[in-house]
Amino acid sequence: MSRLDEAAIAQALRQAPGWERTGSEITRTYRFKDFREALAFVNRVGDLAERAGHHPDIDIRYNAVKLTLSTHDAGGLTSKDFELARAIG
């Protein structure tokens, strides 16, 4: 899988609302009513990630979940990152 160029990244970001680019990664923070809802969301993301064969970094802070996507083997952002970002929502 090859890295996307700057134009492709900009285009893909427009199709992934709420996601932000930070260097060679994209991130998004989700907020929930409580820890239980945050964990339920993480489990749904885990199912999507397993089906996609692509796994985000996940940081849980009580009711906030921050997801970070990057294709480490490619050394940056690929279409896999944006496909999973769109599937997560």
N, C-alpha and C. Protein backbone atom coordinates (compact mmCIF):
# COMPACT_ATOMS: atom_id res chain seq x y z
N MET A 1 0.85 -1.17 0.00
CA MET A 1 0.00 0.00 0.00
C MET A 1 0.90 1.24 0.00
N SER A 2 0.66 2.14 -0.94
CA SER A 2 1.51 3.32 -1.03
C SER A 2 0.85 4.52 -0.34
N ARG A 3 1.72 5.41 0.12
CA ARG A 3 1.25 6.63 0.78
C ARG A 3 0.53 7.52 -0.20
N LEU A 4 -0.43 8.26 0.34
CA LEU A 4 -1.15 9.24 -0.48
C LEU A 4 -0.33 10.51 -0.59
N ASP A 5 -0.45 11.21 -1.72
CA ASP A 5 0.22 12.50 -1.85
C ASP A 5 -0.66 13.58 -1.20
N GLU A 6 -0.14 14.79 -1.13
CA GLU A 6 -0.83 15.88 -0.42
C GLU A 6 -2.23 16.16 -0.98
N ALA A 7 -2.36 16.14 -2.29
CA ALA A 7 -3.66 16.42 -2.91
C ALA A 7 -4.67 15.33 -2.55
N ALA A 8 -4.23 14.07 -2.57
CA ALA A 8 -5.12 12.96 -2.24
C ALA A 8 -5.52 13.00 -0.76
N ILE A 9 -4.59 13.40 0.10
CA ILE A 9 -4.91 13.51 1.53
C ILE A 9 -5.95 14.61 1.74
N ALA A 10 -5.77 15.75 1.11
CA ALA A 10 -6.74 16.85 1.25
C ALA A 10 -8.11 16.42 0.77
N GLN A 11 -8.18 15.72 -0.35
CA GLN A 11 -9.44 15.22 -0.88
C GLN A 11 -10.08 14.22 0.08
N ALA A 12 -9.29 13.29 0.60
CA ALA A 12 -9.81 12.27 1.52
C ALA A 12 -10.30 12.90 2.82
N LEU A 13 -9.62 13.92 3.31
CA LEU A 13 -10.06 14.60 4.54
C LEU A 13 -11.42 15.25 4.35
N ARG A 14 -11.68 15.79 3.17
CA ARG A 14 -12.99 16.39 2.89
C ARG A 14 -14.10 15.35 2.95
N GLN A 15 -13.76 14.11 2.71
CA GLN A 15 -14.76 13.03 2.72
C GLN A 15 -14.82 12.31 4.07
N ALA A 16 -14.07 12.80 5.06
CA ALA A 16 -14.04 12.19 6.39
C ALA A 16 -14.27 13.29 7.44
N PRO A 17 -15.52 13.79 7.52
CA PRO A 17 -15.82 14.90 8.45
C PRO A 17 -15.44 14.57 9.89
N GLY A 18 -14.87 15.57 10.56
CA GLY A 18 -14.50 15.42 11.96
C GLY A 18 -13.08 14.93 12.18
N TRP A 19 -12.48 14.37 11.16
CA TRP A 19 -11.11 13.89 11.26
C TRP A 19 -10.15 15.03 10.92
N GLU A 20 -9.03 15.08 11.64
CA GLU A 20 -8.03 16.12 11.43
C GLU A 20 -6.67 15.48 11.18
N ARG A 21 -5.90 16.15 10.36
CA ARG A 21 -4.56 15.67 10.08
C ARG A 21 -3.58 16.25 11.08
N THR A 22 -2.71 15.37 11.58
CA THR A 22 -1.61 15.78 12.45
C THR A 22 -0.37 15.09 11.91
N GLY A 23 0.37 15.76 11.07
CA GLY A 23 1.56 15.16 10.46
C GLY A 23 1.20 13.99 9.58
N SER A 24 1.71 12.81 9.93
CA SER A 24 1.47 11.62 9.11
C SER A 24 0.33 10.76 9.66
N GLU A 25 -0.56 11.39 10.45
CA GLU A 25 -1.69 10.69 11.05
C GLU A 25 -2.96 11.51 10.88
N ILE A 26 -4.10 10.83 11.05
CA ILE A 26 -5.36 11.54 11.19
C ILE A 26 -5.95 11.14 12.54
N THR A 27 -6.60 12.09 13.18
CA THR A 27 -7.15 11.84 14.52
C THR A 27 -8.57 12.39 14.61
N ARG A 28 -9.30 11.82 15.56
CA ARG A 28 -10.63 12.33 15.88
C ARG A 28 -10.93 11.93 17.32
N THR A 29 -11.53 12.86 18.07
CA THR A 29 -11.93 12.59 19.44
C THR A 29 -13.45 12.56 19.51
N TYR A 30 -13.96 11.51 20.12
CA TYR A 30 -15.40 11.32 20.31
C TYR A 30 -15.70 11.46 21.80
N ARG A 31 -16.81 12.08 22.14
CA ARG A 31 -17.22 12.25 23.54
C ARG A 31 -18.56 11.55 23.76
N PHE A 32 -18.67 10.92 24.93
CA PHE A 32 -19.85 10.15 25.26
C PHE A 32 -20.38 10.54 26.64
N LYS A 33 -21.55 10.02 26.97
CA LYS A 33 -22.17 10.34 28.25
C LYS A 33 -21.32 9.86 29.42
N ASP A 34 -20.75 8.67 29.29
CA ASP A 34 -19.98 8.10 30.39
C ASP A 34 -18.98 7.06 29.86
N PHE A 35 -18.27 6.46 30.78
CA PHE A 35 -17.23 5.47 30.44
C PHE A 35 -17.83 4.26 29.74
N ARG A 36 -18.99 3.81 30.19
CA ARG A 36 -19.62 2.63 29.60
C ARG A 36 -19.92 2.85 28.11
N GLU A 37 -20.45 4.04 27.76
CA GLU A 37 -20.72 4.35 26.35
C GLU A 37 -19.42 4.43 25.55
N ALA A 38 -18.39 4.99 26.16
CA ALA A 38 -17.10 5.09 25.48
C ALA A 38 -16.56 3.69 25.17
N LEU A 39 -16.67 2.77 26.12
CA LEU A 39 -16.19 1.41 25.90
C LEU A 39 -17.01 0.68 24.83
N ALA A 40 -18.32 0.90 24.82
CA ALA A 40 -19.17 0.28 23.80
C ALA A 40 -18.74 0.77 22.41
N PHE A 41 -18.43 2.06 22.30
CA PHE A 41 -17.96 2.62 21.03
C PHE A 41 -16.64 1.96 20.63
N VAL A 42 -15.72 1.83 21.57
CA VAL A 42 -14.42 1.22 21.28
C VAL A 42 -14.61 -0.21 20.78
N ASN A 43 -15.55 -0.93 21.37
CA ASN A 43 -15.80 -2.30 20.90
C ASN A 43 -16.34 -2.32 19.47
N ARG A 44 -17.21 -1.36 19.12
CA ARG A 44 -17.71 -1.27 17.74
C ARG A 44 -16.57 -0.94 16.78
N VAL A 45 -15.70 -0.02 17.20
CA VAL A 45 -14.53 0.33 16.37
C VAL A 45 -13.63 -0.89 16.20
N GLY A 46 -13.46 -1.66 17.28
CA GLY A 46 -12.64 -2.87 17.21
C GLY A 46 -13.17 -3.86 16.19
N ASP A 47 -14.49 -4.02 16.13
CA ASP A 47 -15.09 -4.92 15.14
C ASP A 47 -14.82 -4.43 13.72
N LEU A 48 -15.01 -3.13 13.50
CA LEU A 48 -14.73 -2.55 12.17
C LEU A 48 -13.26 -2.73 11.80
N ALA A 49 -12.38 -2.48 12.76
CA ALA A 49 -10.95 -2.57 12.51
C ALA A 49 -10.54 -4.00 12.17
N GLU A 50 -11.10 -4.96 12.87
CA GLU A 50 -10.78 -6.36 12.58
C GLU A 50 -11.23 -6.74 11.17
N ARG A 51 -12.43 -6.32 10.80
CA ARG A 51 -12.92 -6.62 9.44
C ARG A 51 -12.05 -5.96 8.38
N ALA A 52 -11.56 -4.75 8.67
CA ALA A 52 -10.73 -4.02 7.71
C ALA A 52 -9.27 -4.49 7.72
N GLY A 53 -8.87 -5.20 8.78
CA GLY A 53 -7.47 -5.58 8.90
C GLY A 53 -6.57 -4.37 9.09
N HIS A 54 -7.11 -3.36 9.74
CA HIS A 54 -6.38 -2.10 9.95
C HIS A 54 -6.81 -1.54 11.30
N HIS A 55 -5.87 -1.26 12.18
CA HIS A 55 -6.20 -0.97 13.57
C HIS A 55 -5.73 0.41 14.01
N PRO A 56 -6.64 1.20 14.58
CA PRO A 56 -6.26 2.52 15.07
C PRO A 56 -5.57 2.44 16.42
N ASP A 57 -4.83 3.49 16.75
CA ASP A 57 -4.39 3.68 18.12
C ASP A 57 -5.58 4.27 18.86
N ILE A 58 -5.84 3.77 20.06
CA ILE A 58 -7.03 4.18 20.81
C ILE A 58 -6.60 4.67 22.18
N ASP A 59 -7.06 5.88 22.53
CA ASP A 59 -6.80 6.47 23.85
C ASP A 59 -8.15 6.75 24.50
N ILE A 60 -8.43 6.09 25.62
CA ILE A 60 -9.70 6.28 26.33
C ILE A 60 -9.44 7.08 27.60
N ARG A 61 -10.17 8.17 27.76
CA ARG A 61 -10.09 9.03 28.96
C ARG A 61 -11.50 9.25 29.47
N TYR A 62 -11.95 8.37 30.34
CA TYR A 62 -13.30 8.35 30.89
C TYR A 62 -14.36 8.34 29.79
N ASN A 63 -14.87 9.51 29.40
CA ASN A 63 -15.94 9.53 28.38
C ASN A 63 -15.44 10.02 27.02
N ALA A 64 -14.14 10.17 26.86
CA ALA A 64 -13.57 10.64 25.60
C ALA A 64 -12.69 9.54 24.99
N VAL A 65 -12.86 9.33 23.70
CA VAL A 65 -12.06 8.34 22.98
C VAL A 65 -11.38 9.05 21.82
N LYS A 66 -10.07 9.01 21.80
CA LYS A 66 -9.31 9.59 20.70
C LYS A 66 -8.77 8.45 19.84
N LEU A 67 -9.09 8.50 18.55
CA LEU A 67 -8.60 7.52 17.59
C LEU A 67 -7.55 8.16 16.71
N THR A 68 -6.50 7.42 16.43
CA THR A 68 -5.43 7.89 15.55
C THR A 68 -5.19 6.81 14.50
N LEU A 69 -5.17 7.23 13.25
CA LEU A 69 -4.94 6.31 12.14
C LEU A 69 -3.72 6.73 11.33
N SER A 70 -2.92 5.74 10.97
CA SER A 70 -1.78 5.91 10.08
C SER A 70 -1.38 4.51 9.64
N THR A 71 -0.88 4.37 8.45
CA THR A 71 -0.43 3.06 7.98
C THR A 71 1.06 2.98 8.25
N HIS A 72 1.41 2.35 9.35
CA HIS A 72 2.80 2.34 9.80
C HIS A 72 3.74 1.70 8.79
N ASP A 73 3.30 0.58 8.12
CA ASP A 73 4.21 -0.06 7.15
C ASP A 73 4.49 0.83 5.96
N ALA A 74 3.56 1.74 5.65
CA ALA A 74 3.76 2.65 4.51
C ALA A 74 4.45 3.94 4.94
N GLY A 75 4.55 4.16 6.24
CA GLY A 75 5.20 5.37 6.74
C GLY A 75 4.36 6.62 6.59
N GLY A 76 3.04 6.47 6.61
CA GLY A 76 2.17 7.65 6.50
C GLY A 76 0.74 7.27 6.20
N LEU A 77 0.04 8.19 5.60
CA LEU A 77 -1.39 8.00 5.33
C LEU A 77 -1.63 7.30 4.00
N THR A 78 -2.53 6.32 4.03
CA THR A 78 -2.93 5.59 2.83
C THR A 78 -4.45 5.57 2.75
N SER A 79 -4.95 5.01 1.69
CA SER A 79 -6.41 4.92 1.53
C SER A 79 -7.03 4.07 2.63
N LYS A 80 -6.28 3.11 3.20
CA LYS A 80 -6.80 2.28 4.30
C LYS A 80 -7.20 3.14 5.49
N ASP A 81 -6.43 4.18 5.77
CA ASP A 81 -6.74 5.05 6.92
C ASP A 81 -8.06 5.77 6.71
N PHE A 82 -8.26 6.29 5.52
CA PHE A 82 -9.47 7.06 5.26
C PHE A 82 -10.70 6.15 5.10
N GLU A 83 -10.51 4.96 4.58
CA GLU A 83 -11.62 4.00 4.48
C GLU A 83 -12.12 3.64 5.87
N LEU A 84 -11.21 3.38 6.80
CA LEU A 84 -11.62 3.05 8.16
C LEU A 84 -12.21 4.28 8.86
N ALA A 85 -11.64 5.45 8.64
CA ALA A 85 -12.18 6.67 9.25
C ALA A 85 -13.62 6.88 8.82
N ARG A 86 -13.90 6.71 7.53
CA ARG A 86 -15.28 6.88 7.03
C ARG A 86 -16.21 5.80 7.60
N ALA A 87 -15.72 4.58 7.75
CA ALA A 87 -16.54 3.50 8.30
C ALA A 87 -16.88 3.78 9.76
N ILE A 88 -15.94 4.34 10.50
CA ILE A 88 -16.17 4.67 11.92
C ILE A 88 -17.16 5.82 12.02
N GLY A 89 -17.00 6.80 11.12
CA GLY A 89 -17.91 7.95 11.13
C GLY A 89 -17.37 9.12 11.87
